[in-house]
Amino acid sequence: MDYVLRQGSVIVLAVLLLLVNTPLRAAELADLLEVVRPGVVAVGTMRPVKTANPKNPPVVFKGTGFLVADGRTVVTNLHVVPGELDDENNEKLTVFVGRGQKVTAHSAEVVAKDVEHDLAVLRIQTTLNFKPLKLAKNDMIREGESVFFTGFPLGMVLGLFPVTNQTIVSARTPLVIPAISSGTLSAAQIKALRQPFEVYQLDAIAYPGNSGSPVFDGRSGEVIGVVNSVFVKQTKETVLQAPSGITYAIPVRYVNDLLKQVR
């Protein structure tokens, strides 16, 4: 009898372990995306049509961002934010919200920035009726973990259509890999070597339009990082003759730190 009970306990334990380790089901992911996608926005600039011309169109897409905190706060990459605006022609930093052709534009301002980690926090005047994305804690996730990122790789050419990619964290790697000769290091690389920090290397290809996309856990939906398709590559891959198709992400701990400045 004791043997039968022990055998039954082993079977129950095996079933529980199987349930815990079962891959995310398609239905669960679909439900999660219904929550996450509305909080993913496009970041760019907008100017009155009467001041537009072939070189300066009325709407310019720069990258992706996502809503956090109070529904008026947007996180993106700093390199997505234009350095200067054409104030004379009323060009405005703008957050675009919606899907397809049903898009609304909201003027925004930069309220905090982190040059070292290429992050920016924007604030819009209108509180959007979407659930902000939840940020994970500062702990780095392990290599091999399955994650997702949602953004606008092709911009706004045919409207806003968020694209979600599934990938894994293939490595946690330093921002800069030292060049063979110190003489080939740029000023930015030297600074990064003096103050090194790890970034996530993802087993997926992202395009410039993905910069600023949230990288999130597929079960909880918590954001664990921010896709960076330009800044990290320029810093990390200058020693390569042909830049790779590798995607990098800035860990969320730096987002959490930056948001403390605006709360």
C-alpha atoms as a PDB file:
ATOM      1  CA  MET A   1       0.000   0.000   0.000  1.00  0.00           C
ATOM      2  CA  ASP A   2       2.831   2.404   0.885  1.00  0.00           C
ATOM      3  CA  TYR A   3       4.435   1.650  -2.477  1.00  0.00           C
ATOM      4  CA  VAL A   4       1.177   2.424  -4.301  1.00  0.00           C
ATOM      5  CA  LEU A   5       0.806   5.724  -2.420  1.00  0.00           C
ATOM      6  CA  ARG A   6       4.391   6.708  -3.149  1.00  0.00           C
ATOM      7  CA  GLN A   7       3.949   5.792  -6.794  1.00  0.00           C
ATOM      8  CA  GLY A   8       0.765   7.870  -6.962  1.00  0.00           C
ATOM      9  CA  SER A   9       2.533  10.838  -5.378  1.00  0.00           C
ATOM     10  CA  VAL A  10       5.299  10.636  -7.961  1.00  0.00           C
ATOM     11  CA  ILE A  11       2.741  10.641 -10.787  1.00  0.00           C
ATOM     12  CA  VAL A  12       0.945  13.680  -9.336  1.00  0.00           C
ATOM     13  CA  LEU A  13       4.262  15.507  -8.925  1.00  0.00           C
ATOM     14  CA  ALA A  14       5.240  14.706 -12.510  1.00  0.00           C
ATOM     15  CA  VAL A  15       1.933  16.065 -13.809  1.00  0.00           C
ATOM     16  CA  LEU A  16       2.352  19.273 -11.804  1.00  0.00           C
ATOM     17  CA  LEU A  17       5.875  19.773 -13.124  1.00  0.00           C
ATOM     18  CA  LEU A  18       4.627  19.214 -16.653  1.00  0.00           C
ATOM     19  CA  LEU A  19       1.957  21.860 -16.190  1.00  0.00           C
ATOM     20  CA  VAL A  20       4.456  24.338 -14.779  1.00  0.00           C
ATOM     21  CA  ASN A  21       6.872  23.837 -17.666  1.00  0.00           C
ATOM     22  CA  THR A  22       4.296  23.716 -20.454  1.00  0.00           C
ATOM     23  CA  PRO A  23       5.135  26.265 -23.172  1.00  0.00           C
ATOM     24  CA  LEU A  24       2.914  29.300 -23.456  1.00  0.00           C
ATOM     25  CA  ARG A  25      -0.230  28.333 -25.322  1.00  0.00           C
ATOM     26  CA  ALA A  26      -1.288  30.287 -28.393  1.00  0.00           C
ATOM     27  CA  ALA A  27      -4.568  31.318 -26.756  1.00  0.00           C
ATOM     28  CA  GLU A  28      -2.742  32.667 -23.709  1.00  0.00           C
ATOM     29  CA  LEU A  29      -0.378  34.684 -25.879  1.00  0.00           C
ATOM     30  CA  ALA A  30      -3.257  36.048 -27.949  1.00  0.00           C
ATOM     31  CA  ASP A  31      -5.005  37.190 -24.765  1.00  0.00           C
ATOM     32  CA  LEU A  32      -1.802  38.813 -23.517  1.00  0.00           C
ATOM     33  CA  LEU A  33      -1.241  40.672 -26.786  1.00  0.00           C
ATOM     34  CA  GLU A  34      -4.751  42.106 -26.569  1.00  0.00           C
ATOM     35  CA  VAL A  35      -3.556  43.816 -23.386  1.00  0.00           C
ATOM     36  CA  VAL A  36      -0.022  44.749 -24.455  1.00  0.00           C
ATOM     37  CA  ARG A  37      -0.479  46.020 -28.017  1.00  0.00           C
ATOM     38  CA  PRO A  38      -2.752  49.021 -27.245  1.00  0.00           C
ATOM     39  CA  GLY A  39      -0.002  50.361 -24.983  1.00  0.00           C
ATOM     40  CA  VAL A  40       2.611  50.283 -27.762  1.00  0.00           C
ATOM     41  CA  VAL A  41       2.799  53.622 -29.587  1.00  0.00           C
ATOM     42  CA  ALA A  42       4.681  55.261 -32.435  1.00  0.00           C
ATOM     43  CA  VAL A  43       6.974  58.227 -31.845  1.00  0.00           C
ATOM     44  CA  GLY A  44       7.738  60.862 -34.454  1.00  0.00           C
ATOM     45  CA  THR A  45       7.134  64.437 -35.482  1.00  0.00           C
ATOM     46  CA  MET A  46       4.238  66.323 -37.008  1.00  0.00           C
ATOM     47  CA  ARG A  47       3.889  69.685 -38.706  1.00  0.00           C
ATOM     48  CA  PRO A  48       1.026  71.550 -40.396  1.00  0.00           C
ATOM     49  CA  VAL A  49       0.402  70.403 -43.958  1.00  0.00           C
ATOM     50  CA  LYS A  50       0.796  73.951 -45.257  1.00  0.00           C
ATOM     51  CA  THR A  51       4.425  74.012 -44.055  1.00  0.00           C
ATOM     52  CA  ALA A  52       5.258  70.556 -45.416  1.00  0.00           C
ATOM     53  CA  ASN A  53       7.333  69.855 -48.517  1.00  0.00           C
ATOM     54  CA  PRO A  54       8.975  66.802 -50.139  1.00  0.00           C
ATOM     55  CA  LYS A  55      11.965  67.072 -47.792  1.00  0.00           C
ATOM     56  CA  ASN A  56       9.817  67.762 -44.734  1.00  0.00           C
ATOM     57  CA  PRO A  57       6.602  65.714 -44.862  1.00  0.00           C
ATOM     58  CA  PRO A  58       3.772  66.475 -42.426  1.00  0.00           C
ATOM     59  CA  VAL A  59       4.376  63.271 -40.453  1.00  0.00           C
ATOM     60  CA  VAL A  60       7.761  61.645 -39.798  1.00  0.00           C
ATOM     61  CA  PHE A  61       8.033  58.289 -38.015  1.00  0.00           C
ATOM     62  CA  LYS A  62      11.071  57.890 -35.752  1.00  0.00           C
ATOM     63  CA  GLY A  63      10.505  54.728 -33.747  1.00  0.00           C
ATOM     64  CA  THR A  64       8.411  52.881 -31.179  1.00  0.00           C
ATOM     65  CA  GLY A  65       7.532  53.641 -27.572  1.00  0.00           C
ATOM     66  CA  PHE A  66       5.214  52.300 -24.886  1.00  0.00           C
ATOM     67  CA  LEU A  67       2.903  53.652 -22.210  1.00  0.00           C
ATOM     68  CA  VAL A  68       3.788  53.304 -18.536  1.00  0.00           C
ATOM     69  CA  ALA A  69       2.718  54.681 -15.172  1.00  0.00           C
ATOM     70  CA  ASP A  70      -0.235  57.079 -15.471  1.00  0.00           C
ATOM     71  CA  GLY A  71      -1.114  56.535 -19.138  1.00  0.00           C
ATOM     72  CA  ARG A  72       0.461  59.866 -20.113  1.00  0.00           C
ATOM     73  CA  THR A  73       4.055  58.699 -19.853  1.00  0.00           C
ATOM     74  CA  VAL A  74       5.899  57.098 -22.766  1.00  0.00           C
ATOM     75  CA  VAL A  75       9.262  55.311 -22.714  1.00  0.00           C
ATOM     76  CA  THR A  76      11.410  55.125 -25.841  1.00  0.00           C
ATOM     77  CA  ASN A  77      15.040  55.319 -26.983  1.00  0.00           C
ATOM     78  CA  LEU A  78      16.708  58.704 -26.791  1.00  0.00           C
ATOM     79  CA  HIS A  79      17.976  58.377 -30.357  1.00  0.00           C
ATOM     80  CA  VAL A  80      14.329  58.128 -31.489  1.00  0.00           C
ATOM     81  CA  VAL A  81      13.709  61.676 -30.232  1.00  0.00           C
ATOM     82  CA  PRO A  82      14.817  64.340 -32.755  1.00  0.00           C
ATOM     83  CA  GLY A  83      17.624  66.555 -31.523  1.00  0.00           C
ATOM     84  CA  GLU A  84      16.020  69.688 -32.919  1.00  0.00           C
ATOM     85  CA  LEU A  85      12.541  70.613 -34.079  1.00  0.00           C
ATOM     86  CA  ASP A  86      11.594  73.110 -36.751  1.00  0.00           C
ATOM     87  CA  ASP A  87       9.872  75.532 -34.389  1.00  0.00           C
ATOM     88  CA  GLU A  88       9.507  78.145 -37.110  1.00  0.00           C
ATOM     89  CA  ASN A  89       7.190  75.787 -39.007  1.00  0.00           C
ATOM     90  CA  ASN A  90       5.477  74.486 -35.860  1.00  0.00           C
ATOM     91  CA  GLU A  91       7.000  70.996 -35.946  1.00  0.00           C
ATOM     92  CA  LYS A  92       6.070  69.045 -32.796  1.00  0.00           C
ATOM     93  CA  LEU A  93       7.323  65.911 -31.105  1.00  0.00           C
ATOM     94  CA  THR A  94       4.334  63.582 -31.390  1.00  0.00           C
ATOM     95  CA  VAL A  95       3.080  60.268 -30.048  1.00  0.00           C
ATOM     96  CA  PHE A  96       0.787  58.351 -32.398  1.00  0.00           C
ATOM     97  CA  VAL A  97      -1.757  55.977 -30.888  1.00  0.00           C
ATOM     98  CA  GLY A  98      -4.140  53.509 -32.505  1.00  0.00           C
ATOM     99  CA  ARG A  99      -4.209  50.785 -35.104  1.00  0.00           C
ATOM    100  CA  GLY A 100      -4.431  50.777 -38.879  1.00  0.00           C
ATOM    101  CA  GLN A 101      -5.806  54.052 -40.200  1.00  0.00           C
ATOM    102  CA  LYS A 102      -7.540  54.887 -36.911  1.00  0.00           C
ATOM    103  CA  VAL A 103      -4.665  56.821 -35.395  1.00  0.00           C
ATOM    104  CA  THR A 104      -4.689  59.848 -33.112  1.00  0.00           C
ATOM    105  CA  ALA A 105      -1.760  62.232 -32.666  1.00  0.00           C
ATOM    106  CA  HIS A 106      -0.719  63.685 -29.308  1.00  0.00           C
ATOM    107  CA  SER A 107       1.900  66.381 -28.766  1.00  0.00           C
ATOM    108  CA  ALA A 108       4.645  65.301 -26.389  1.00  0.00           C
ATOM    109  CA  GLU A 109       7.602  66.706 -24.512  1.00  0.00           C
ATOM    110  CA  VAL A 110      10.763  65.113 -23.143  1.00  0.00           C
ATOM    111  CA  VAL A 111      10.646  65.082 -19.345  1.00  0.00           C
ATOM    112  CA  ALA A 112      13.683  62.891 -18.641  1.00  0.00           C
ATOM    113  CA  LYS A 113      16.545  61.372 -20.568  1.00  0.00           C
ATOM    114  CA  ASP A 114      19.442  59.017 -19.952  1.00  0.00           C
ATOM    115  CA  VAL A 115      22.197  59.531 -22.506  1.00  0.00           C
ATOM    116  CA  GLU A 116      24.359  56.669 -21.241  1.00  0.00           C
ATOM    117  CA  HIS A 117      21.597  54.083 -21.690  1.00  0.00           C
ATOM    118  CA  ASP A 118      19.898  55.809 -24.650  1.00  0.00           C
ATOM    119  CA  LEU A 119      16.527  56.171 -22.936  1.00  0.00           C
ATOM    120  CA  ALA A 120      13.951  58.956 -22.915  1.00  0.00           C
ATOM    121  CA  VAL A 121      10.697  59.561 -21.081  1.00  0.00           C
ATOM    122  CA  LEU A 122       8.006  61.573 -22.854  1.00  0.00           C
ATOM    123  CA  ARG A 123       4.861  63.132 -21.426  1.00  0.00           C
ATOM    124  CA  ILE A 124       1.671  63.769 -23.379  1.00  0.00           C
ATOM    125  CA  GLN A 125      -1.111  66.104 -22.290  1.00  0.00           C
ATOM    126  CA  THR A 126      -3.958  63.629 -22.752  1.00  0.00           C
ATOM    127  CA  THR A 127      -4.421  60.586 -20.534  1.00  0.00           C
ATOM    128  CA  LEU A 128      -4.970  57.700 -22.934  1.00  0.00           C
ATOM    129  CA  ASN A 129      -7.656  55.136 -22.259  1.00  0.00           C
ATOM    130  CA  PHE A 130      -5.249  52.216 -22.489  1.00  0.00           C
ATOM    131  CA  LYS A 131      -3.724  50.101 -19.781  1.00  0.00           C
ATOM    132  CA  PRO A 132      -0.069  51.079 -19.275  1.00  0.00           C
ATOM    133  CA  LEU A 133       2.494  48.310 -19.519  1.00  0.00           C
ATOM    134  CA  LYS A 134       3.824  46.959 -16.255  1.00  0.00           C
ATOM    135  CA  LEU A 135       7.561  47.123 -15.691  1.00  0.00           C
ATOM    136  CA  ALA A 136       9.461  44.187 -14.237  1.00  0.00           C
ATOM    137  CA  LYS A 137      11.758  44.555 -11.249  1.00  0.00           C
ATOM    138  CA  ASN A 138      15.433  45.337 -11.660  1.00  0.00           C
ATOM    139  CA  ASP A 139      16.661  41.737 -11.615  1.00  0.00           C
ATOM    140  CA  MET A 140      18.270  40.649 -14.887  1.00  0.00           C
ATOM    141  CA  ILE A 141      16.546  37.659 -16.478  1.00  0.00           C
ATOM    142  CA  ARG A 142      18.478  34.528 -17.370  1.00  0.00           C
ATOM    143  CA  GLU A 143      19.935  33.597 -20.709  1.00  0.00           C
ATOM    144  CA  GLY A 144      17.627  31.215 -22.538  1.00  0.00           C
ATOM    145  CA  GLU A 145      14.424  32.830 -21.266  1.00  0.00           C
ATOM    146  CA  SER A 146      11.678  33.222 -23.871  1.00  0.00           C
ATOM    147  CA  VAL A 147      10.536  36.815 -24.454  1.00  0.00           C
ATOM    148  CA  PHE A 148       8.553  38.879 -26.964  1.00  0.00           C
ATOM    149  CA  PHE A 149       8.789  42.370 -28.383  1.00  0.00           C
ATOM    150  CA  THR A 150       6.146  44.457 -30.138  1.00  0.00           C
ATOM    151  CA  GLY A 151       6.786  47.463 -32.341  1.00  0.00           C
ATOM    152  CA  PHE A 152       6.535  49.075 -35.744  1.00  0.00           C
ATOM    153  CA  PRO A 153       9.426  47.778 -37.874  1.00  0.00           C
ATOM    154  CA  LEU A 154       8.002  49.275 -41.083  1.00  0.00           C
ATOM    155  CA  GLY A 155       6.909  52.566 -39.586  1.00  0.00           C
ATOM    156  CA  MET A 156       3.614  54.197 -40.544  1.00  0.00           C
ATOM    157  CA  VAL A 157       3.677  53.836 -44.321  1.00  0.00           C
ATOM    158  CA  LEU A 158       0.414  51.888 -44.471  1.00  0.00           C
ATOM    159  CA  GLY A 159      -0.903  52.858 -41.055  1.00  0.00           C
ATOM    160  CA  LEU A 160       0.003  51.638 -37.585  1.00  0.00           C
ATOM    161  CA  PHE A 161       0.198  47.864 -37.435  1.00  0.00           C
ATOM    162  CA  PRO A 162       2.112  46.511 -34.419  1.00  0.00           C
ATOM    163  CA  VAL A 163       4.254  43.456 -35.091  1.00  0.00           C
ATOM    164  CA  THR A 164       5.156  40.975 -32.343  1.00  0.00           C
ATOM    165  CA  ASN A 165       8.259  38.770 -32.428  1.00  0.00           C
ATOM    166  CA  GLN A 166       9.054  35.824 -30.194  1.00  0.00           C
ATOM    167  CA  THR A 167      12.681  35.246 -29.298  1.00  0.00           C
ATOM    168  CA  ILE A 168      15.016  34.211 -26.494  1.00  0.00           C
ATOM    169  CA  VAL A 169      17.662  36.021 -24.524  1.00  0.00           C
ATOM    170  CA  SER A 170      20.670  34.452 -26.203  1.00  0.00           C
ATOM    171  CA  ALA A 171      23.230  36.315 -24.104  1.00  0.00           C
ATOM    172  CA  ARG A 172      23.799  38.962 -21.492  1.00  0.00           C
ATOM    173  CA  THR A 173      26.729  40.808 -22.914  1.00  0.00           C
ATOM    174  CA  PRO A 174      28.734  43.978 -22.189  1.00  0.00           C
ATOM    175  CA  LEU A 175      27.753  47.012 -24.205  1.00  0.00           C
ATOM    176  CA  VAL A 176      31.266  47.272 -25.642  1.00  0.00           C
ATOM    177  CA  ILE A 177      33.683  44.564 -26.739  1.00  0.00           C
ATOM    178  CA  PRO A 178      37.198  46.085 -26.690  1.00  0.00           C
ATOM    179  CA  ALA A 179      38.841  46.557 -30.064  1.00  0.00           C
ATOM    180  CA  ILE A 180      42.185  44.919 -30.815  1.00  0.00           C
ATOM    181  CA  SER A 181      43.906  48.297 -30.635  1.00  0.00           C
ATOM    182  CA  SER A 182      42.917  51.005 -28.175  1.00  0.00           C
ATOM    183  CA  GLY A 183      43.567  53.485 -30.962  1.00  0.00           C
ATOM    184  CA  THR A 184      40.482  52.228 -32.792  1.00  0.00           C
ATOM    185  CA  LEU A 185      38.121  52.941 -29.898  1.00  0.00           C
ATOM    186  CA  SER A 186      35.767  55.884 -30.233  1.00  0.00           C
ATOM    187  CA  ALA A 187      35.144  58.339 -27.399  1.00  0.00           C
ATOM    188  CA  ALA A 188      31.743  56.713 -26.781  1.00  0.00           C
ATOM    189  CA  GLN A 189      33.332  53.257 -26.547  1.00  0.00           C
ATOM    190  CA  ILE A 190      36.001  54.461 -24.132  1.00  0.00           C
ATOM    191  CA  LYS A 191      33.326  55.976 -21.872  1.00  0.00           C
ATOM    192  CA  ALA A 192      31.301  52.757 -22.030  1.00  0.00           C
ATOM    193  CA  LEU A 193      34.351  50.692 -21.083  1.00  0.00           C
ATOM    194  CA  ARG A 194      34.942  52.876 -18.049  1.00  0.00           C
ATOM    195  CA  GLN A 195      31.324  52.442 -16.973  1.00  0.00           C
ATOM    196  CA  PRO A 196      30.337  49.063 -18.434  1.00  0.00           C
ATOM    197  CA  PHE A 197      26.837  47.657 -18.244  1.00  0.00           C
ATOM    198  CA  GLU A 198      25.201  44.565 -19.671  1.00  0.00           C
ATOM    199  CA  VAL A 199      22.601  44.502 -22.407  1.00  0.00           C
ATOM    200  CA  TYR A 200      20.413  41.658 -23.595  1.00  0.00           C
ATOM    201  CA  GLN A 201      21.303  40.028 -26.895  1.00  0.00           C
ATOM    202  CA  LEU A 202      18.180  38.625 -28.547  1.00  0.00           C
ATOM    203  CA  ASP A 203      17.940  35.813 -31.073  1.00  0.00           C
ATOM    204  CA  ALA A 204      15.835  37.876 -33.484  1.00  0.00           C
ATOM    205  CA  ILE A 205      16.169  40.538 -36.144  1.00  0.00           C
ATOM    206  CA  ALA A 206      14.795  43.994 -35.428  1.00  0.00           C
ATOM    207  CA  TYR A 207      14.648  46.976 -37.755  1.00  0.00           C
ATOM    208  CA  PRO A 208      15.267  50.654 -36.947  1.00  0.00           C
ATOM    209  CA  GLY A 209      11.521  51.148 -36.520  1.00  0.00           C
ATOM    210  CA  ASN A 210      11.635  48.661 -33.642  1.00  0.00           C
ATOM    211  CA  SER A 211      13.848  50.952 -31.572  1.00  0.00           C
ATOM    212  CA  GLY A 212      11.983  51.715 -28.362  1.00  0.00           C
ATOM    213  CA  SER A 213       9.851  48.564 -28.506  1.00  0.00           C
ATOM    214  CA  PRO A 214       9.061  46.903 -25.179  1.00  0.00           C
ATOM    215  CA  VAL A 215      10.589  43.469 -24.597  1.00  0.00           C
ATOM    216  CA  PHE A 216       8.214  41.588 -22.327  1.00  0.00           C
ATOM    217  CA  ASP A 217       7.751  38.291 -20.552  1.00  0.00           C
ATOM    218  CA  GLY A 218       5.233  36.104 -22.357  1.00  0.00           C
ATOM    219  CA  ARG A 219       3.474  34.980 -19.182  1.00  0.00           C
ATOM    220  CA  SER A 220       3.224  38.104 -17.051  1.00  0.00           C
ATOM    221  CA  GLY A 221       3.446  40.747 -19.780  1.00  0.00           C
ATOM    222  CA  GLU A 222       5.995  42.634 -17.665  1.00  0.00           C
ATOM    223  CA  VAL A 223       8.533  44.674 -19.616  1.00  0.00           C
ATOM    224  CA  ILE A 224      12.082  43.413 -19.070  1.00  0.00           C
ATOM    225  CA  GLY A 225      13.885  45.616 -21.583  1.00  0.00           C
ATOM    226  CA  VAL A 226      13.736  48.119 -24.441  1.00  0.00           C
ATOM    227  CA  VAL A 227      14.782  47.181 -27.977  1.00  0.00           C
ATOM    228  CA  ASN A 228      17.682  49.249 -29.237  1.00  0.00           C
ATOM    229  CA  SER A 229      18.471  48.888 -32.940  1.00  0.00           C
ATOM    230  CA  VAL A 230      20.873  51.788 -33.403  1.00  0.00           C
ATOM    231  CA  PHE A 231      22.742  53.024 -30.320  1.00  0.00           C
ATOM    232  CA  VAL A 232      23.994  49.630 -29.127  1.00  0.00           C
ATOM    233  CA  LYS A 233      24.985  48.518 -32.626  1.00  0.00           C
ATOM    234  CA  GLN A 234      26.943  51.709 -33.245  1.00  0.00           C
ATOM    235  CA  THR A 235      28.775  51.270 -29.960  1.00  0.00           C
ATOM    236  CA  LYS A 236      29.231  47.512 -29.926  1.00  0.00           C
ATOM    237  CA  GLU A 237      29.670  46.535 -33.566  1.00  0.00           C
ATOM    238  CA  THR A 238      31.976  49.194 -34.966  1.00  0.00           C
ATOM    239  CA  VAL A 239      34.741  46.566 -34.998  1.00  0.00           C
ATOM    240  CA  LEU A 240      32.709  44.506 -37.479  1.00  0.00           C
ATOM    241  CA  GLN A 241      33.064  45.163 -41.201  1.00  0.00           C
ATOM    242  CA  ALA A 242      29.386  44.320 -41.705  1.00  0.00           C
ATOM    243  CA  PRO A 243      27.034  44.962 -38.752  1.00  0.00           C
ATOM    244  CA  SER A 244      25.113  41.864 -37.739  1.00  0.00           C
ATOM    245  CA  GLY A 245      21.389  41.245 -37.657  1.00  0.00           C
ATOM    246  CA  ILE A 246      21.546  40.765 -33.896  1.00  0.00           C
ATOM    247  CA  THR A 247      19.022  42.634 -31.774  1.00  0.00           C
ATOM    248  CA  TYR A 248      19.918  44.180 -28.443  1.00  0.00           C
ATOM    249  CA  ALA A 249      17.798  45.460 -25.571  1.00  0.00           C
ATOM    250  CA  ILE A 250      18.495  47.831 -22.693  1.00  0.00           C
ATOM    251  CA  PRO A 251      17.514  46.195 -19.356  1.00  0.00           C
ATOM    252  CA  VAL A 252      14.435  47.624 -17.641  1.00  0.00           C
ATOM    253  CA  ARG A 253      16.375  48.513 -14.490  1.00  0.00           C
ATOM    254  CA  TYR A 254      17.546  51.677 -16.250  1.00  0.00           C
ATOM    255  CA  VAL A 255      13.964  52.565 -17.180  1.00  0.00           C
ATOM    256  CA  ASN A 256      12.938  52.175 -13.543  1.00  0.00           C
ATOM    257  CA  ASP A 257      15.788  54.457 -12.471  1.00  0.00           C
ATOM    258  CA  LEU A 258      14.895  57.099 -15.052  1.00  0.00           C
ATOM    259  CA  LEU A 259      11.205  57.126 -14.126  1.00  0.00           C
ATOM    260  CA  LYS A 260      12.123  58.046 -10.549  1.00  0.00           C
ATOM    261  CA  GLN A 261      13.132  61.447 -11.912  1.00  0.00           C
ATOM    262  CA  VAL A 262       9.636  62.228 -13.187  1.00  0.00           C
ATOM    263  CA  ARG A 263       7.430  60.852 -10.433  1.00  0.00           C
END
